[in-house]
Amino acid sequence: MKSKIVFLGLFLMCIFSLNAQKEVKDFDNKSLVSSGTYFDSKITDSKWSNSNGKSYTKAKFSDYTGTSHANLSAKKTMSVFLDYKIELKKGGLTMEVADGKGNVIFKHDFTQTEEATVTVDLKKEENYQIRFTGKQAKGSYFCQWKEK
């Protein structure tokens, strides 16, 4: 009887764990090329972890101070949806999109958890960066881009 209860408890924990892990769908944007994560300075956060796909970047951190970015390059002039989810437990985080000349076309400062979709217009043959700047931040970021 005791082993059945333990088994049932483990089984339920597995089910809840699988439901808690959101599967990221990686889109194949035909006219948008991405790469990254890149760092402007060395990350000293020992718990930093990140991953990237063809259409997203994400990271988790416990004490993030610095700037990281993903690169985008548009093969044609287009509008792009940026879906982002920022989870903050402490500190602050700034997300911005800038063109190759450093002109910021989107910027938002976060001090708490937020999730939204914004549209940015990209020019043909232009390079862009999606930058995340942390200030003693604990939490995570996720950003996905999709051609409109």
N, C-alpha and C. Protein backbone atom coordinates (compact mmCIF):
# COMPACT_ATOMS: atom_id res chain seq x y z
N MET A 1 0.82 -1.20 0.00
CA MET A 1 0.00 0.00 0.00
C MET A 1 0.87 1.26 0.00
N LYS A 2 1.90 1.23 0.84
CA LYS A 2 2.80 2.39 0.94
C LYS A 2 3.50 2.64 -0.39
N SER A 3 3.90 1.58 -1.08
CA SER A 3 4.59 1.73 -2.36
C SER A 3 3.64 2.28 -3.43
N LYS A 4 2.36 1.94 -3.36
CA LYS A 4 1.39 2.48 -4.30
C LYS A 4 1.22 3.99 -4.11
N ILE A 5 1.22 4.44 -2.88
CA ILE A 5 1.09 5.88 -2.59
C ILE A 5 2.32 6.62 -3.09
N VAL A 6 3.50 6.05 -2.83
CA VAL A 6 4.74 6.68 -3.31
C VAL A 6 4.74 6.74 -4.83
N PHE A 7 4.35 5.64 -5.49
CA PHE A 7 4.29 5.61 -6.95
C PHE A 7 3.31 6.65 -7.48
N LEU A 8 2.14 6.74 -6.87
CA LEU A 8 1.14 7.71 -7.30
C LEU A 8 1.67 9.13 -7.13
N GLY A 9 2.36 9.41 -6.01
CA GLY A 9 2.94 10.73 -5.79
C GLY A 9 3.98 11.07 -6.84
N LEU A 10 4.87 10.13 -7.16
CA LEU A 10 5.89 10.36 -8.19
C LEU A 10 5.25 10.56 -9.56
N PHE A 11 4.22 9.78 -9.85
CA PHE A 11 3.52 9.90 -11.13
C PHE A 11 2.89 11.29 -11.28
N LEU A 12 2.23 11.77 -10.24
CA LEU A 12 1.61 13.10 -10.28
C LEU A 12 2.67 14.19 -10.41
N MET A 13 3.80 14.04 -9.73
CA MET A 13 4.87 15.04 -9.85
C MET A 13 5.38 15.10 -11.28
N CYS A 14 5.52 13.96 -11.94
CA CYS A 14 5.98 13.94 -13.33
C CYS A 14 4.99 14.65 -14.25
N ILE A 15 3.72 14.40 -14.05
CA ILE A 15 2.69 15.03 -14.88
C ILE A 15 2.72 16.55 -14.70
N PHE A 16 2.77 17.01 -13.45
CA PHE A 16 2.82 18.45 -13.20
C PHE A 16 4.09 19.08 -13.75
N SER A 17 5.18 18.36 -13.66
CA SER A 17 6.45 18.88 -14.18
C SER A 17 6.39 19.03 -15.70
N LEU A 18 5.84 18.07 -16.39
CA LEU A 18 5.72 18.15 -17.85
C LEU A 18 4.81 19.28 -18.27
N ASN A 19 3.72 19.49 -17.54
CA ASN A 19 2.81 20.58 -17.86
C ASN A 19 3.44 21.94 -17.60
N ALA A 20 4.34 22.02 -16.63
CA ALA A 20 4.97 23.29 -16.29
C ALA A 20 6.01 23.71 -17.31
N GLN A 21 6.57 22.75 -18.06
CA GLN A 21 7.58 23.06 -19.06
C GLN A 21 6.90 23.40 -20.37
N LYS A 22 6.95 24.67 -20.72
CA LYS A 22 6.31 25.12 -21.95
C LYS A 22 7.23 24.81 -23.13
N GLU A 23 6.70 24.12 -24.08
CA GLU A 23 7.46 23.80 -25.29
C GLU A 23 7.54 25.02 -26.18
N VAL A 24 8.74 25.37 -26.59
CA VAL A 24 8.94 26.53 -27.47
C VAL A 24 8.90 26.05 -28.91
N LYS A 25 8.00 26.63 -29.69
CA LYS A 25 7.93 26.31 -31.11
C LYS A 25 8.90 27.23 -31.84
N ASP A 26 9.85 26.63 -32.53
CA ASP A 26 10.87 27.39 -33.25
C ASP A 26 10.40 27.59 -34.69
N PHE A 27 10.13 28.85 -35.08
CA PHE A 27 9.64 29.18 -36.41
C PHE A 27 10.79 29.31 -37.40
N ASP A 28 10.51 28.97 -38.62
CA ASP A 28 11.48 29.16 -39.70
C ASP A 28 11.08 30.42 -40.45
N ASN A 29 11.66 31.56 -40.05
CA ASN A 29 11.39 32.83 -40.70
C ASN A 29 12.19 32.88 -42.01
N LYS A 30 11.50 32.96 -43.13
CA LYS A 30 12.15 32.85 -44.44
C LYS A 30 13.03 34.04 -44.78
N SER A 31 12.69 35.23 -44.30
CA SER A 31 13.44 36.43 -44.67
C SER A 31 14.12 37.10 -43.49
N LEU A 32 14.30 36.33 -42.43
CA LEU A 32 14.91 36.87 -41.22
C LEU A 32 15.92 35.86 -40.69
N VAL A 33 17.18 36.29 -40.59
CA VAL A 33 18.25 35.42 -40.12
C VAL A 33 18.67 35.89 -38.73
N SER A 34 18.87 34.95 -37.82
CA SER A 34 19.25 35.32 -36.45
C SER A 34 20.46 34.53 -35.99
N SER A 35 21.13 35.09 -35.00
CA SER A 35 22.23 34.40 -34.33
C SER A 35 22.39 34.98 -32.94
N GLY A 36 23.06 34.27 -32.09
CA GLY A 36 23.30 34.77 -30.73
C GLY A 36 22.81 33.79 -29.74
N THR A 37 23.22 33.95 -28.58
CA THR A 37 23.41 35.06 -27.67
C THR A 37 24.88 35.50 -27.65
N TYR A 38 25.09 36.81 -27.63
CA TYR A 38 26.41 37.40 -27.51
C TYR A 38 26.42 38.27 -26.25
N PHE A 39 27.62 38.50 -25.71
CA PHE A 39 27.75 39.26 -24.47
C PHE A 39 28.68 40.44 -24.68
N ASP A 40 28.27 41.60 -24.15
CA ASP A 40 29.12 42.80 -24.22
C ASP A 40 30.24 42.73 -23.19
N SER A 41 30.04 41.97 -22.12
CA SER A 41 31.08 41.73 -21.13
C SER A 41 30.82 40.35 -20.53
N LYS A 42 31.81 39.81 -19.84
CA LYS A 42 31.69 38.47 -19.26
C LYS A 42 30.58 38.43 -18.21
N ILE A 43 29.76 37.39 -18.28
CA ILE A 43 28.69 37.20 -17.30
C ILE A 43 29.30 36.51 -16.07
N THR A 44 29.14 37.12 -14.92
CA THR A 44 29.69 36.56 -13.68
C THR A 44 28.65 35.79 -12.89
N ASP A 45 27.43 35.75 -13.37
CA ASP A 45 26.34 35.03 -12.70
C ASP A 45 26.57 33.53 -12.88
N SER A 46 26.86 32.84 -11.79
CA SER A 46 27.17 31.40 -11.86
C SER A 46 25.96 30.56 -12.24
N LYS A 47 24.76 31.10 -12.11
CA LYS A 47 23.55 30.34 -12.44
C LYS A 47 22.97 30.74 -13.80
N TRP A 48 23.70 31.54 -14.59
CA TRP A 48 23.24 31.96 -15.91
C TRP A 48 23.10 30.73 -16.81
N SER A 49 22.00 30.66 -17.54
CA SER A 49 21.83 29.65 -18.59
C SER A 49 20.99 30.27 -19.69
N ASN A 50 21.29 29.89 -20.92
CA ASN A 50 20.51 30.43 -22.03
C ASN A 50 20.44 29.42 -23.16
N SER A 51 19.50 29.65 -24.06
CA SER A 51 19.40 28.85 -25.27
C SER A 51 18.77 29.72 -26.36
N ASN A 52 19.03 29.32 -27.59
CA ASN A 52 18.54 30.06 -28.75
C ASN A 52 18.03 29.09 -29.80
N GLY A 53 17.13 29.59 -30.63
CA GLY A 53 16.67 28.86 -31.79
C GLY A 53 16.73 29.79 -32.99
N LYS A 54 16.12 29.37 -34.07
CA LYS A 54 16.08 30.22 -35.27
C LYS A 54 15.16 31.42 -35.07
N SER A 55 14.25 31.33 -34.09
CA SER A 55 13.28 32.40 -33.91
C SER A 55 13.14 32.87 -32.46
N TYR A 56 14.07 32.51 -31.59
CA TYR A 56 13.94 32.94 -30.20
C TYR A 56 15.29 32.97 -29.48
N THR A 57 15.28 33.68 -28.36
CA THR A 57 16.38 33.66 -27.40
C THR A 57 15.76 33.65 -26.01
N LYS A 58 16.40 32.94 -25.09
CA LYS A 58 15.89 32.93 -23.72
C LYS A 58 17.05 32.69 -22.77
N ALA A 59 16.88 33.17 -21.54
CA ALA A 59 17.91 33.01 -20.52
C ALA A 59 17.27 33.01 -19.14
N LYS A 60 17.96 32.35 -18.20
CA LYS A 60 17.59 32.37 -16.78
C LYS A 60 18.82 32.85 -16.03
N PHE A 61 18.59 33.59 -14.95
CA PHE A 61 19.71 34.17 -14.22
C PHE A 61 19.31 34.42 -12.77
N SER A 62 20.35 34.51 -11.91
CA SER A 62 20.08 34.77 -10.50
C SER A 62 20.68 36.09 -10.03
N ASP A 63 21.70 36.60 -10.74
CA ASP A 63 22.29 37.89 -10.39
C ASP A 63 22.95 38.46 -11.65
N TYR A 64 22.12 38.90 -12.58
CA TYR A 64 22.57 39.32 -13.90
C TYR A 64 22.76 40.83 -13.96
N THR A 65 24.00 41.22 -14.19
CA THR A 65 24.32 42.62 -14.45
C THR A 65 25.19 42.62 -15.71
N GLY A 66 24.74 43.30 -16.73
CA GLY A 66 25.47 43.33 -17.99
C GLY A 66 24.51 43.36 -19.15
N THR A 67 25.05 43.16 -20.36
CA THR A 67 24.24 43.20 -21.57
C THR A 67 24.52 41.98 -22.44
N SER A 68 23.45 41.35 -22.89
CA SER A 68 23.54 40.26 -23.86
C SER A 68 22.65 40.63 -25.04
N HIS A 69 22.91 40.03 -26.19
CA HIS A 69 22.06 40.34 -27.34
C HIS A 69 22.02 39.18 -28.35
N ALA A 70 20.97 39.20 -29.14
CA ALA A 70 20.82 38.32 -30.29
C ALA A 70 20.83 39.21 -31.53
N ASN A 71 21.39 38.72 -32.61
CA ASN A 71 21.45 39.48 -33.86
C ASN A 71 20.35 39.03 -34.82
N LEU A 72 19.75 40.00 -35.51
CA LEU A 72 18.78 39.73 -36.55
C LEU A 72 19.22 40.45 -37.82
N SER A 73 18.97 39.82 -38.96
CA SER A 73 19.26 40.45 -40.24
C SER A 73 18.07 40.21 -41.16
N ALA A 74 17.52 41.31 -41.68
CA ALA A 74 16.33 41.24 -42.53
C ALA A 74 16.75 41.16 -44.00
N LYS A 75 16.25 40.17 -44.71
CA LYS A 75 16.53 40.03 -46.14
C LYS A 75 15.65 40.93 -46.98
N LYS A 76 14.55 41.42 -46.38
CA LYS A 76 13.63 42.33 -47.06
C LYS A 76 13.01 43.25 -46.01
N THR A 77 12.43 44.34 -46.42
CA THR A 77 11.71 45.22 -45.51
C THR A 77 10.47 44.49 -45.03
N MET A 78 10.25 44.50 -43.72
CA MET A 78 9.13 43.74 -43.16
C MET A 78 8.77 44.21 -41.77
N SER A 79 7.60 43.81 -41.33
CA SER A 79 7.20 43.98 -39.94
C SER A 79 7.36 42.64 -39.25
N VAL A 80 7.79 42.70 -38.00
CA VAL A 80 8.06 41.49 -37.23
C VAL A 80 7.34 41.59 -35.89
N PHE A 81 6.69 40.50 -35.49
CA PHE A 81 6.10 40.40 -34.16
C PHE A 81 7.19 39.96 -33.20
N LEU A 82 7.33 40.66 -32.09
CA LEU A 82 8.20 40.24 -31.00
C LEU A 82 7.32 39.84 -29.83
N ASP A 83 7.31 38.56 -29.52
CA ASP A 83 6.60 38.06 -28.34
C ASP A 83 7.64 37.95 -27.23
N TYR A 84 7.37 38.60 -26.11
CA TYR A 84 8.33 38.49 -25.02
C TYR A 84 7.64 38.19 -23.71
N LYS A 85 8.39 37.52 -22.86
CA LYS A 85 7.95 37.26 -21.49
C LYS A 85 9.16 37.49 -20.60
N ILE A 86 9.06 38.46 -19.73
CA ILE A 86 10.11 38.79 -18.79
C ILE A 86 9.60 38.42 -17.41
N GLU A 87 10.34 37.60 -16.70
CA GLU A 87 9.98 37.23 -15.32
C GLU A 87 11.08 37.78 -14.42
N LEU A 88 10.71 38.67 -13.53
CA LEU A 88 11.69 39.26 -12.60
C LEU A 88 11.25 39.04 -11.16
N LYS A 89 12.19 38.55 -10.36
CA LYS A 89 11.97 38.39 -8.93
C LYS A 89 12.68 39.49 -8.15
N LYS A 90 13.72 40.07 -8.76
CA LYS A 90 14.41 41.21 -8.17
C LYS A 90 15.21 41.92 -9.25
N GLY A 91 15.61 43.15 -8.98
CA GLY A 91 16.43 43.90 -9.91
C GLY A 91 15.63 44.47 -11.07
N GLY A 92 16.34 44.83 -12.13
CA GLY A 92 15.70 45.41 -13.31
C GLY A 92 16.29 44.85 -14.59
N LEU A 93 15.53 44.97 -15.67
CA LEU A 93 15.97 44.49 -16.97
C LEU A 93 15.43 45.45 -18.03
N THR A 94 16.27 45.78 -18.99
CA THR A 94 15.86 46.60 -20.12
C THR A 94 15.98 45.75 -21.38
N MET A 95 14.94 45.79 -22.20
CA MET A 95 14.96 45.13 -23.50
C MET A 95 14.86 46.21 -24.55
N GLU A 96 15.75 46.14 -25.55
CA GLU A 96 15.66 47.10 -26.64
C GLU A 96 16.06 46.45 -27.95
N VAL A 97 15.51 47.01 -29.02
CA VAL A 97 15.87 46.59 -30.37
C VAL A 97 16.52 47.81 -31.02
N ALA A 98 17.72 47.60 -31.56
CA ALA A 98 18.46 48.70 -32.18
C ALA A 98 18.95 48.28 -33.55
N ASP A 99 19.02 49.25 -34.48
CA ASP A 99 19.55 48.95 -35.81
C ASP A 99 21.08 48.98 -35.77
N GLY A 100 21.69 48.73 -36.91
CA GLY A 100 23.15 48.66 -37.00
C GLY A 100 23.86 49.96 -36.69
N LYS A 101 23.15 51.08 -36.73
CA LYS A 101 23.74 52.38 -36.41
C LYS A 101 23.53 52.75 -34.95
N GLY A 102 22.85 51.88 -34.20
CA GLY A 102 22.61 52.14 -32.79
C GLY A 102 21.30 52.86 -32.50
N ASN A 103 20.51 53.12 -33.54
CA ASN A 103 19.21 53.77 -33.33
C ASN A 103 18.24 52.78 -32.69
N VAL A 104 17.68 53.14 -31.55
CA VAL A 104 16.76 52.26 -30.84
C VAL A 104 15.36 52.41 -31.44
N ILE A 105 14.79 51.28 -31.87
CA ILE A 105 13.45 51.31 -32.46
C ILE A 105 12.39 50.75 -31.51
N PHE A 106 12.84 50.11 -30.43
CA PHE A 106 11.94 49.64 -29.38
C PHE A 106 12.75 49.56 -28.09
N LYS A 107 12.13 50.01 -26.98
CA LYS A 107 12.79 49.92 -25.68
C LYS A 107 11.73 49.82 -24.59
N HIS A 108 12.01 48.95 -23.62
CA HIS A 108 11.11 48.83 -22.47
C HIS A 108 11.93 48.44 -21.25
N ASP A 109 11.66 49.12 -20.13
CA ASP A 109 12.31 48.81 -18.86
C ASP A 109 11.36 47.98 -18.01
N PHE A 110 11.90 46.94 -17.37
CA PHE A 110 11.10 46.03 -16.56
C PHE A 110 11.59 46.04 -15.12
N THR A 111 10.64 46.05 -14.19
CA THR A 111 10.94 45.87 -12.77
C THR A 111 10.09 44.77 -12.17
N GLN A 112 9.23 44.19 -13.01
CA GLN A 112 8.37 43.09 -12.59
C GLN A 112 8.08 42.22 -13.81
N THR A 113 7.38 41.13 -13.58
CA THR A 113 7.05 40.20 -14.65
C THR A 113 6.06 40.84 -15.62
N GLU A 114 6.37 40.72 -16.91
CA GLU A 114 5.49 41.24 -17.97
C GLU A 114 5.56 40.32 -19.17
N GLU A 115 4.46 40.30 -19.92
CA GLU A 115 4.38 39.51 -21.14
C GLU A 115 3.58 40.29 -22.16
N ALA A 116 4.08 40.38 -23.39
CA ALA A 116 3.37 41.16 -24.42
C ALA A 116 3.89 40.79 -25.80
N THR A 117 3.21 41.33 -26.80
CA THR A 117 3.64 41.23 -28.19
C THR A 117 3.69 42.64 -28.75
N VAL A 118 4.79 42.98 -29.40
CA VAL A 118 4.93 44.28 -30.06
C VAL A 118 5.33 44.03 -31.50
N THR A 119 5.12 45.04 -32.34
CA THR A 119 5.52 44.95 -33.75
C THR A 119 6.63 45.96 -33.99
N VAL A 120 7.68 45.50 -34.67
CA VAL A 120 8.77 46.39 -35.07
C VAL A 120 8.94 46.28 -36.58
N ASP A 121 9.31 47.39 -37.20
CA ASP A 121 9.54 47.42 -38.64
C ASP A 121 11.03 47.35 -38.91
N LEU A 122 11.41 46.40 -39.77
CA LEU A 122 12.81 46.19 -40.11
C LEU A 122 13.04 46.52 -41.58
N LYS A 123 14.21 47.07 -41.88
CA LYS A 123 14.55 47.44 -43.25
C LYS A 123 15.40 46.37 -43.91
N LYS A 124 15.25 46.27 -45.21
CA LYS A 124 15.99 45.30 -46.01
C LYS A 124 17.50 45.50 -45.84
N GLU A 125 18.20 44.37 -45.70
CA GLU A 125 19.67 44.34 -45.61
C GLU A 125 20.20 45.08 -44.38
N GLU A 126 19.37 45.32 -43.39
CA GLU A 126 19.81 46.00 -42.17
C GLU A 126 20.02 44.95 -41.08
N ASN A 127 21.02 45.19 -40.24
CA ASN A 127 21.29 44.32 -39.09
C ASN A 127 20.72 44.96 -37.83
N TYR A 128 20.18 44.12 -36.96
CA TYR A 128 19.55 44.58 -35.72
C TYR A 128 20.04 43.74 -34.55
N GLN A 129 19.92 44.31 -33.37
CA GLN A 129 20.21 43.59 -32.14
C GLN A 129 19.01 43.69 -31.21
N ILE A 130 18.67 42.57 -30.61
CA ILE A 130 17.72 42.56 -29.50
C ILE A 130 18.57 42.44 -28.26
N ARG A 131 18.64 43.52 -27.47
CA ARG A 131 19.54 43.59 -26.32
C ARG A 131 18.77 43.49 -25.02
N PHE A 132 19.39 42.80 -24.08
CA PHE A 132 18.85 42.67 -22.72
C PHE A 132 19.93 43.15 -21.77
N THR A 133 19.61 44.17 -20.98
CA THR A 133 20.56 44.71 -20.02
C THR A 133 20.00 44.50 -18.62
N GLY A 134 20.72 43.71 -17.84
CA GLY A 134 20.29 43.41 -16.48
C GLY A 134 20.99 44.28 -15.45
N LYS A 135 20.26 44.58 -14.39
CA LYS A 135 20.80 45.35 -13.26
C LYS A 135 20.48 44.57 -11.99
N GLN A 136 21.41 43.72 -11.58
CA GLN A 136 21.24 42.84 -10.42
C GLN A 136 19.92 42.10 -10.50
N ALA A 137 19.65 41.55 -11.67
CA ALA A 137 18.35 40.92 -11.95
C ALA A 137 18.36 39.43 -11.61
N LYS A 138 17.24 38.98 -11.10
CA LYS A 138 16.99 37.57 -10.87
C LYS A 138 15.69 37.22 -11.58
N GLY A 139 15.74 36.23 -12.46
CA GLY A 139 14.55 35.84 -13.20
C GLY A 139 14.90 35.22 -14.53
N SER A 140 14.16 35.62 -15.57
CA SER A 140 14.39 35.06 -16.90
C SER A 140 13.82 36.00 -17.97
N TYR A 141 14.33 35.82 -19.19
CA TYR A 141 13.71 36.49 -20.34
C TYR A 141 13.52 35.49 -21.46
N PHE A 142 12.51 35.76 -22.25
CA PHE A 142 12.21 34.98 -23.46
C PHE A 142 11.73 35.97 -24.50
N CYS A 143 12.26 35.88 -25.71
CA CYS A 143 11.81 36.71 -26.80
C CYS A 143 11.81 35.88 -28.08
N GLN A 144 10.70 35.94 -28.80
CA GLN A 144 10.56 35.22 -30.07
C GLN A 144 10.11 36.18 -31.15
N TRP A 145 10.70 36.04 -32.34
CA TRP A 145 10.35 36.91 -33.46
C TRP A 145 9.71 36.07 -34.56
N LYS A 146 8.67 36.68 -35.16
CA LYS A 146 7.93 36.03 -36.25
C LYS A 146 7.64 37.05 -37.32
N GLU A 147 7.88 36.68 -38.56
CA GLU A 147 7.54 37.57 -39.67
C GLU A 147 6.04 37.76 -39.69
N LYS A 148 5.63 38.99 -39.94
CA LYS A 148 4.20 39.32 -40.00
C LYS A 148 3.60 38.89 -41.31
